[in-house]
PDB file of all heavy atoms in Angstrom:
ATOM      1  N   GLY A   1      70.390  88.256 113.178  1.00  0.00           N
ATOM      2  CA  GLY A   1      71.107  89.426 113.683  1.00  0.00           C
ATOM      3  C   GLY A   1      72.315  89.761 112.835  1.00  0.00           C
ATOM      4  O   GLY A   1      72.550  90.933 112.486  1.00  0.00           O
ATOM      5  N   LEU A   2      73.117  88.738 112.485  1.00  0.00           N
ATOM      6  CA  LEU A   2      74.284  88.972 111.634  1.00  0.00           C
ATOM      7  C   LEU A   2      73.870  89.486 110.261  1.00  0.00           C
ATOM      8  O   LEU A   2      74.527  90.379 109.687  1.00  0.00           O
ATOM      9  CB  LEU A   2      75.082  87.672 111.487  1.00  0.00           C
ATOM     10  CG  LEU A   2      75.810  87.168 112.736  1.00  0.00           C
ATOM     11  CD1 LEU A   2      76.444  85.803 112.466  1.00  0.00           C
ATOM     12  CD2 LEU A   2      76.879  88.166 113.172  1.00  0.00           C
ATOM     13  N   THR A   3      72.783  88.935 109.731  1.00  0.00           N
ATOM     14  CA  THR A   3      72.305  89.377 108.415  1.00  0.00           C
ATOM     15  C   THR A   3      71.897  90.845 108.451  1.00  0.00           C
ATOM     16  O   THR A   3      72.219  91.614 107.526  1.00  0.00           O
ATOM     17  CB  THR A   3      71.110  88.508 107.978  1.00  0.00           C
ATOM     18  OG1 THR A   3      71.525  87.132 107.916  1.00  0.00           O
ATOM     19  CG2 THR A   3      70.609  88.940 106.605  1.00  0.00           C
ATOM     20  N   LEU A   4      71.205  91.268 109.499  1.00  0.00           N
ATOM     21  CA  LEU A   4      70.795  92.675 109.619  1.00  0.00           C
ATOM     22  C   LEU A   4      72.011  93.593 109.740  1.00  0.00           C
ATOM     23  O   LEU A   4      72.038  94.680 109.140  1.00  0.00           O
ATOM     24  CB  LEU A   4      69.880  92.847 110.835  1.00  0.00           C
ATOM     25  CG  LEU A   4      68.476  92.250 110.710  1.00  0.00           C
ATOM     26  CD1 LEU A   4      67.727  92.381 112.030  1.00  0.00           C
ATOM     27  CD2 LEU A   4      67.702  92.939 109.585  1.00  0.00           C
ATOM     28  N   VAL A   5      72.998  93.147 110.513  1.00  0.00           N
ATOM     29  CA  VAL A   5      74.211  93.960 110.667  1.00  0.00           C
ATOM     30  C   VAL A   5      74.892  94.164 109.323  1.00  0.00           C
ATOM     31  O   VAL A   5      75.260  95.293 108.941  1.00  0.00           O
ATOM     32  CB  VAL A   5      75.171  93.294 111.671  1.00  0.00           C
ATOM     33  CG1 VAL A   5      76.538  93.980 111.628  1.00  0.00           C
ATOM     34  CG2 VAL A   5      74.597  93.362 113.076  1.00  0.00           C
ATOM     35  N   PHE A   6      75.079  93.079 108.565  1.00  0.00           N
ATOM     36  CA  PHE A   6      75.757  93.189 107.277  1.00  0.00           C
ATOM     37  C   PHE A   6      74.894  93.925 106.252  1.00  0.00           C
ATOM     38  O   PHE A   6      75.432  94.595 105.352  1.00  0.00           O
ATOM     39  CB  PHE A   6      76.144  91.798 106.763  1.00  0.00           C
ATOM     40  CG  PHE A   6      77.290  91.186 107.508  1.00  0.00           C
ATOM     41  CD1 PHE A   6      77.165  89.945 108.119  1.00  0.00           C
ATOM     42  CD2 PHE A   6      78.499  91.849 107.612  1.00  0.00           C
ATOM     43  CE1 PHE A   6      78.218  89.377 108.816  1.00  0.00           C
ATOM     44  CE2 PHE A   6      79.568  91.287 108.303  1.00  0.00           C
ATOM     45  CZ  PHE A   6      79.422  90.051 108.912  1.00  0.00           C
ATOM     46  N   LEU A   7      73.576  93.810 106.370  1.00  0.00           N
ATOM     47  CA  LEU A   7      72.698  94.561 105.479  1.00  0.00           C
ATOM     48  C   LEU A   7      72.878  96.057 105.692  1.00  0.00           C
ATOM     49  O   LEU A   7      72.972  96.835 104.723  1.00  0.00           O
ATOM     50  CB  LEU A   7      71.241  94.162 105.729  1.00  0.00           C
ATOM     51  CG  LEU A   7      70.181  94.876 104.873  1.00  0.00           C
ATOM     52  CD1 LEU A   7      70.412  94.590 103.388  1.00  0.00           C
ATOM     53  CD2 LEU A   7      68.784  94.434 105.284  1.00  0.00           C
ATOM     54  N   ILE A   8      72.958  96.468 106.951  1.00  0.00           N
ATOM     55  CA  ILE A   8      73.183  97.888 107.260  1.00  0.00           C
ATOM     56  C   ILE A   8      74.544  98.331 106.734  1.00  0.00           C
ATOM     57  O   ILE A   8      74.688  99.425 106.162  1.00  0.00           O
ATOM     58  CB  ILE A   8      73.076  98.119 108.778  1.00  0.00           C
ATOM     59  CG1 ILE A   8      71.640  97.864 109.247  1.00  0.00           C
ATOM     60  CG2 ILE A   8      73.500  99.535 109.145  1.00  0.00           C
ATOM     61  CD1 ILE A   8      71.472  97.879 110.747  1.00  0.00           C
ATOM     62  N   VAL A   9      75.559  97.478 106.910  1.00  0.00           N
ATOM     63  CA  VAL A   9      76.904  97.808 106.428  1.00  0.00           C
ATOM     64  C   VAL A   9      76.899  98.007 104.920  1.00  0.00           C
ATOM     65  O   VAL A   9      77.443  98.995 104.391  1.00  0.00           O
ATOM     66  CB  VAL A   9      77.894  96.700 106.823  1.00  0.00           C
ATOM     67  CG1 VAL A   9      79.237  96.901 106.110  1.00  0.00           C
ATOM     68  CG2 VAL A   9      78.100  96.682 108.325  1.00  0.00           C
ATOM     69  N   VAL A  10      76.274  97.077 104.199  1.00  0.00           N
ATOM     70  CA  VAL A  10      76.270  97.151 102.730  1.00  0.00           C
ATOM     71  C   VAL A  10      75.495  98.371 102.244  1.00  0.00           C
ATOM     72  O   VAL A  10      75.911  99.060 101.299  1.00  0.00           O
ATOM     73  CB  VAL A  10      75.693  95.848 102.140  1.00  0.00           C
ATOM     74  CG1 VAL A  10      75.455  95.993 100.638  1.00  0.00           C
ATOM     75  CG2 VAL A  10      76.629  94.682 102.411  1.00  0.00           C
ATOM     76  N   VAL A  11      74.363  98.645 102.895  1.00  0.00           N
ATOM     77  CA  VAL A  11      73.554  99.799 102.482  1.00  0.00           C
ATOM     78  C   VAL A  11      74.322 101.109 102.664  1.00  0.00           C
ATOM     79  O   VAL A  11      74.199 102.038 101.854  1.00  0.00           O
ATOM     80  CB  VAL A  11      72.228  99.824 103.276  1.00  0.00           C
ATOM     81  CG1 VAL A  11      71.500 101.156 103.075  1.00  0.00           C
ATOM     82  CG2 VAL A  11      71.335  98.676 102.839  1.00  0.00           C
ATOM     83  N   THR A  12      75.131 101.186 103.710  1.00  0.00           N
ATOM     84  CA  THR A  12      75.861 102.439 103.968  1.00  0.00           C
ATOM     85  C   THR A  12      77.116 102.588 103.114  1.00  0.00           C
ATOM     86  O   THR A  12      77.715 103.670 103.081  1.00  0.00           O
ATOM     87  CB  THR A  12      76.259 102.519 105.445  1.00  0.00           C
ATOM     88  OG1 THR A  12      77.043 101.369 105.793  1.00  0.00           O
ATOM     89  CG2 THR A  12      75.020 102.580 106.331  1.00  0.00           C
ATOM     90  N   LEU A  13      77.546 101.523 102.429  1.00  0.00           N
ATOM     91  CA  LEU A  13      78.766 101.622 101.624  1.00  0.00           C
ATOM     92  C   LEU A  13      78.601 102.559 100.429  1.00  0.00           C
ATOM     93  O   LEU A  13      79.530 103.298 100.059  1.00  0.00           O
ATOM     94  CB  LEU A  13      79.180 100.225 101.142  1.00  0.00           C
ATOM     95  CG  LEU A  13      79.784  99.287 102.186  1.00  0.00           C
ATOM     96  CD1 LEU A  13      80.113  97.942 101.559  1.00  0.00           C
ATOM     97  CD2 LEU A  13      81.036  99.899 102.813  1.00  0.00           C
ATOM     98  N   GLN A  14      77.416 102.551  99.813  1.00  0.00           N
ATOM     99  CA  GLN A  14      77.215 103.391  98.632  1.00  0.00           C
ATOM    100  C   GLN A  14      77.337 104.879  98.946  1.00  0.00           C
ATOM    101  O   GLN A  14      78.037 105.610  98.219  1.00  0.00           O
ATOM    102  CB  GLN A  14      75.848 103.079  98.008  1.00  0.00           C
ATOM    103  CG  GLN A  14      75.591 103.745  96.655  1.00  0.00           C
ATOM    104  CD  GLN A  14      76.455 103.193  95.554  1.00  0.00           C
ATOM    105  OE1 GLN A  14      77.653 103.527  95.469  1.00  0.00           O
ATOM    106  NE2 GLN A  14      75.887 102.336  94.706  1.00  0.00           N
ATOM    107  N   PRO A  15      76.704 105.361 100.021  1.00  0.00           N
ATOM    108  CA  PRO A  15      76.901 106.782 100.351  1.00  0.00           C
ATOM    109  C   PRO A  15      78.364 107.139 100.601  1.00  0.00           C
ATOM    110  O   PRO A  15      78.826 108.209 100.185  1.00  0.00           O
ATOM    111  CB  PRO A  15      76.056 106.964 101.615  1.00  0.00           C
ATOM    112  CG  PRO A  15      75.007 105.912 101.518  1.00  0.00           C
ATOM    113  CD  PRO A  15      75.682 104.755 100.870  1.00  0.00           C
ATOM    114  N   PHE A  16      79.094 106.259 101.285  1.00  0.00           N
ATOM    115  CA  PHE A  16      80.509 106.543 101.527  1.00  0.00           C
ATOM    116  C   PHE A  16      81.285 106.595 100.212  1.00  0.00           C
ATOM    117  O   PHE A  16      82.186 107.422 100.027  1.00  0.00           O
ATOM    118  CB  PHE A  16      81.110 105.478 102.453  1.00  0.00           C
ATOM    119  CG  PHE A  16      80.819 105.699 103.901  1.00  0.00           C
ATOM    120  CD1 PHE A  16      79.962 104.867 104.592  1.00  0.00           C
ATOM    121  CD2 PHE A  16      81.411 106.763 104.589  1.00  0.00           C
ATOM    122  CE1 PHE A  16      79.684 105.074 105.928  1.00  0.00           C
ATOM    123  CE2 PHE A  16      81.147 106.973 105.930  1.00  0.00           C
ATOM    124  CZ  PHE A  16      80.278 106.138 106.607  1.00  0.00           C
ATOM    125  N   ALA A  17      80.936 105.683  99.307  1.00  0.00           N
ATOM    126  CA  ALA A  17      81.607 105.687  98.006  1.00  0.00           C
ATOM    127  C   ALA A  17      81.299 106.968  97.240  1.00  0.00           C
ATOM    128  O   ALA A  17      82.182 107.555  96.592  1.00  0.00           O
ATOM    129  CB  ALA A  17      81.167 104.463  97.200  1.00  0.00           C
ATOM    130  N   ARG A  18      80.054 107.452  97.324  1.00  0.00           N
ATOM    131  CA  ARG A  18      79.675 108.691  96.649  1.00  0.00           C
ATOM    132  C   ARG A  18      80.438 109.874  97.223  1.00  0.00           C
ATOM    133  O   ARG A  18      80.901 110.762  96.496  1.00  0.00           O
ATOM    134  CB  ARG A  18      78.166 108.930  96.799  1.00  0.00           C
ATOM    135  CG  ARG A  18      77.289 107.875  96.139  1.00  0.00           C
ATOM    136  CD  ARG A  18      77.371 107.907  94.640  1.00  0.00           C
ATOM    137  NE  ARG A  18      76.405 106.984  94.032  1.00  0.00           N
ATOM    138  CZ  ARG A  18      76.397 106.668  92.739  1.00  0.00           C
ATOM    139  NH1 ARG A  18      77.315 107.180  91.925  1.00  0.00           N
ATOM    140  NH2 ARG A  18      75.498 105.817  92.266  1.00  0.00           N
ATOM    141  N   LEU A  19      80.564 109.892  98.546  1.00  0.00           N
ATOM    142  CA  LEU A  19      81.292 110.986  99.186  1.00  0.00           C
ATOM    143  C   LEU A  19      82.762 110.986  98.796  1.00  0.00           C
ATOM    144  O   LEU A  19      83.420 112.032  98.822  1.00  0.00           O
ATOM    145  CB  LEU A  19      81.162 110.872 100.708  1.00  0.00           C
ATOM    146  CG  LEU A  19      79.779 111.189 101.299  1.00  0.00           C
ATOM    147  CD1 LEU A  19      79.761 110.894 102.785  1.00  0.00           C
ATOM    148  CD2 LEU A  19      79.410 112.655 101.041  1.00  0.00           C
ATOM    149  N   SER A  20      83.262 109.798  98.432  1.00  0.00           N
ATOM    150  CA  SER A  20      84.670 109.694  98.038  1.00  0.00           C
ATOM    151  C   SER A  20      84.866 109.925  96.547  1.00  0.00           C
ATOM    152  O   SER A  20      85.976 109.753  96.029  1.00  0.00           O
ATOM    153  CB  SER A  20      85.219 108.315  98.418  1.00  0.00           C
ATOM    154  OG  SER A  20      85.084 108.095  99.803  1.00  0.00           O
ATOM    155  N   GLY A  21      83.784 110.270  95.865  1.00  0.00           N
ATOM    156  CA  GLY A  21      83.880 110.573  94.448  1.00  0.00           C
ATOM    157  C   GLY A  21      83.768 109.373  93.547  1.00  0.00           C
ATOM    158  O   GLY A  21      84.108 109.452  92.363  1.00  0.00           O
ATOM    159  N   GLY A  22      83.288 108.279  94.059  1.00  0.00           N
ATOM    160  CA  GLY A  22      83.131 107.091  93.239  1.00  0.00           C
ATOM    161  C   GLY A  22      81.737 106.514  93.376  1.00  0.00           C
ATOM    162  O   GLY A  22      80.809 107.171  93.841  1.00  0.00           O
ATOM    163  N   GLY A  23      81.593 105.279  92.953  1.00  0.00           N
ATOM    164  CA  GLY A  23      80.305 104.601  93.037  1.00  0.00           C
ATOM    165  C   GLY A  23      80.504 103.101  92.977  1.00  0.00           C
ATOM    166  O   GLY A  23      81.526 102.619  92.466  1.00  0.00           O
ATOM    167  N   LEU A  24      79.543 102.369  93.514  1.00  0.00           N
ATOM    168  CA  LEU A  24      79.623 100.912  93.544  1.00  0.00           C
ATOM    169  C   LEU A  24      78.441 100.324  92.804  1.00  0.00           C
ATOM    170  O   LEU A  24      77.289 100.722  93.048  1.00  0.00           O
ATOM    171  CB  LEU A  24      79.626 100.408  94.991  1.00  0.00           C
ATOM    172  CG  LEU A  24      80.771 100.898  95.889  1.00  0.00           C
ATOM    173  CD1 LEU A  24      80.550 100.430  97.314  1.00  0.00           C
ATOM    174  CD2 LEU A  24      82.113 100.412  95.367  1.00  0.00           C
ATOM    175  N   PRO A  25      78.674  99.398  91.882  1.00  0.00           N
ATOM    176  CA  PRO A  25      77.557  98.750  91.175  1.00  0.00           C
ATOM    177  C   PRO A  25      76.636  98.025  92.155  1.00  0.00           C
ATOM    178  O   PRO A  25      77.100  97.362  93.085  1.00  0.00           O
ATOM    179  CB  PRO A  25      78.257  97.768  90.233  1.00  0.00           C
ATOM    180  CG  PRO A  25      79.661  98.270  90.114  1.00  0.00           C
ATOM    181  CD  PRO A  25      79.984  98.899  91.417  1.00  0.00           C
ATOM    182  N   LEU A  26      75.347  98.132  91.925  1.00  0.00           N
ATOM    183  CA  LEU A  26      74.385  97.493  92.822  1.00  0.00           C
ATOM    184  C   LEU A  26      74.532  95.975  92.812  1.00  0.00           C
ATOM    185  O   LEU A  26      74.319  95.315  93.823  1.00  0.00           O
ATOM    186  CB  LEU A  26      72.965  97.890  92.424  1.00  0.00           C
ATOM    187  CG  LEU A  26      72.581  99.359  92.651  1.00  0.00           C
ATOM    188  CD1 LEU A  26      71.144  99.614  92.210  1.00  0.00           C
ATOM    189  CD2 LEU A  26      72.761  99.738  94.111  1.00  0.00           C
ATOM    190  N   ILE A  27      74.889  95.432  91.657  1.00  0.00           N
ATOM    191  CA  ILE A  27      75.080  93.978  91.584  1.00  0.00           C
ATOM    192  C   ILE A  27      76.219  93.541  92.492  1.00  0.00           C
ATOM    193  O   ILE A  27      76.128  92.529  93.197  1.00  0.00           O
ATOM    194  CB  ILE A  27      75.339  93.538  90.127  1.00  0.00           C
ATOM    195  CG1 ILE A  27      74.059  93.654  89.307  1.00  0.00           C
ATOM    196  CG2 ILE A  27      75.858  92.101  90.080  1.00  0.00           C
ATOM    197  CD1 ILE A  27      74.202  93.207  87.877  1.00  0.00           C
ATOM    198  N   PHE A  28      77.296  94.323  92.524  1.00  0.00           N
ATOM    199  CA  PHE A  28      78.421  93.988  93.395  1.00  0.00           C
ATOM    200  C   PHE A  28      78.028  94.114  94.865  1.00  0.00           C
ATOM    201  O   PHE A  28      78.462  93.326  95.708  1.00  0.00           O
ATOM    202  CB  PHE A  28      79.611  94.890  93.089  1.00  0.00           C
ATOM    203  CG  PHE A  28      80.361  94.501  91.837  1.00  0.00           C
ATOM    204  CD1 PHE A  28      79.936  93.429  91.061  1.00  0.00           C
ATOM    205  CD2 PHE A  28      81.487  95.200  91.432  1.00  0.00           C
ATOM    206  CE1 PHE A  28      80.615  93.070  89.909  1.00  0.00           C
ATOM    207  CE2 PHE A  28      82.174  94.850  90.289  1.00  0.00           C
ATOM    208  CZ  PHE A  28      81.739  93.776  89.523  1.00  0.00           C
ATOM    209  N   LEU A  29      77.211  95.101  95.184  1.00  0.00           N
ATOM    210  CA  LEU A  29      76.759  95.255  96.566  1.00  0.00           C
ATOM    211  C   LEU A  29      75.887  94.073  96.992  1.00  0.00           C
ATOM    212  O   LEU A  29      75.990  93.585  98.121  1.00  0.00           O
ATOM    213  CB  LEU A  29      75.987  96.564  96.727  1.00  0.00           C
ATOM    214  CG  LEU A  29      76.829  97.845  96.690  1.00  0.00           C
ATOM    215  CD1 LEU A  29      75.933  99.074  96.760  1.00  0.00           C
ATOM    216  CD2 LEU A  29      77.846  97.872  97.830  1.00  0.00           C
ATOM    217  N   ALA A  30      75.019  93.604  96.087  1.00  0.00           N
ATOM    218  CA  ALA A  30      74.198  92.432  96.391  1.00  0.00           C
ATOM    219  C   ALA A  30      75.078  91.200  96.587  1.00  0.00           C
ATOM    220  O   ALA A  30      74.850  90.384  97.492  1.00  0.00           O
ATOM    221  CB  ALA A  30      73.189  92.187  95.276  1.00  0.00           C
ATOM    222  N   ALA A  31      76.101  91.064  95.739  1.00  0.00           N
ATOM    223  CA  ALA A  31      77.026  89.944  95.875  1.00  0.00           C
ATOM    224  C   ALA A  31      77.789  90.030  97.190  1.00  0.00           C
ATOM    225  O   ALA A  31      78.002  89.016  97.876  1.00  0.00           O
ATOM    226  CB  ALA A  31      78.000  89.929  94.702  1.00  0.00           C
ATOM    227  N   LEU A  32      78.193  91.249  97.563  1.00  0.00           N
ATOM    228  CA  LEU A  32      78.901  91.433  98.824  1.00  0.00           C
ATOM    229  C   LEU A  32      78.028  91.015 100.006  1.00  0.00           C
ATOM    230  O   LEU A  32      78.494  90.332 100.929  1.00  0.00           O
ATOM    231  CB  LEU A  32      79.320  92.897  98.977  1.00  0.00           C
ATOM    232  CG  LEU A  32      79.973  93.270 100.318  1.00  0.00           C
ATOM    233  CD1 LEU A  32      81.279  92.520 100.502  1.00  0.00           C
ATOM    234  CD2 LEU A  32      80.200  94.779 100.416  1.00  0.00           C
ATOM    235  N   LEU A  33      76.752  91.403  99.992  1.00  0.00           N
ATOM    236  CA  LEU A  33      75.849  91.051 101.081  1.00  0.00           C
ATOM    237  C   LEU A  33      75.742  89.535 101.228  1.00  0.00           C
ATOM    238  O   LEU A  33      75.813  88.998 102.343  1.00  0.00           O
ATOM    239  CB  LEU A  33      74.463  91.652 100.831  1.00  0.00           C
ATOM    240  CG  LEU A  33      73.370  91.250 101.822  1.00  0.00           C
ATOM    241  CD1 LEU A  33      73.721  91.734 103.221  1.00  0.00           C
ATOM    242  CD2 LEU A  33      72.014  91.782 101.386  1.00  0.00           C
ATOM    243  N   VAL A  34      75.579  88.834 100.116  1.00  0.00           N
ATOM    244  CA  VAL A  34      75.410  87.375 100.173  1.00  0.00           C
ATOM    245  C   VAL A  34      76.671  86.692 100.693  1.00  0.00           C
ATOM    246  O   VAL A  34      76.596  85.715 101.447  1.00  0.00           O
ATOM    247  CB  VAL A  34      75.021  86.821  98.789  1.00  0.00           C
ATOM    248  CG1 VAL A  34      75.055  85.302  98.777  1.00  0.00           C
ATOM    249  CG2 VAL A  34      73.643  87.316  98.395  1.00  0.00           C
ATOM    250  N   THR A  35      77.831  87.206 100.319  1.00  0.00           N
ATOM    251  CA  THR A  35      79.068  86.570 100.779  1.00  0.00           C
ATOM    252  C   THR A  35      79.390  86.909 102.231  1.00  0.00           C
ATOM    253  O   THR A  35      80.093  86.149 102.903  1.00  0.00           O
ATOM    254  CB  THR A  35      80.250  86.985  99.895  1.00  0.00           C
ATOM    255  OG1 THR A  35      80.322  88.421  99.842  1.00  0.00           O
ATOM    256  CG2 THR A  35      80.097  86.439  98.488  1.00  0.00           C
ATOM    257  N   LEU A  36      78.877  88.041 102.722  1.00  0.00           N
ATOM    258  CA  LEU A  36      79.152  88.423 104.103  1.00  0.00           C
ATOM    259  C   LEU A  36      78.256  87.683 105.098  1.00  0.00           C
ATOM    260  O   LEU A  36      78.697  87.313 106.183  1.00  0.00           O
ATOM    261  CB  LEU A  36      78.972  89.935 104.285  1.00  0.00           C
ATOM    262  CG  LEU A  36      80.002  90.846 103.602  1.00  0.00           C
ATOM    263  CD1 LEU A  36      79.696  92.294 103.908  1.00  0.00           C
ATOM    264  CD2 LEU A  36      81.410  90.503 104.049  1.00  0.00           C
TER     265      LEU A  36
END
């Protein structure tokens, strides 16, 4: 359950970053998921 929650959080971070005019490397997002 915790893994699914954090997976959803990480997946939604990229769209928010795009809306803010930036972007997040996919490698960093994968690293974030594993640490969360």
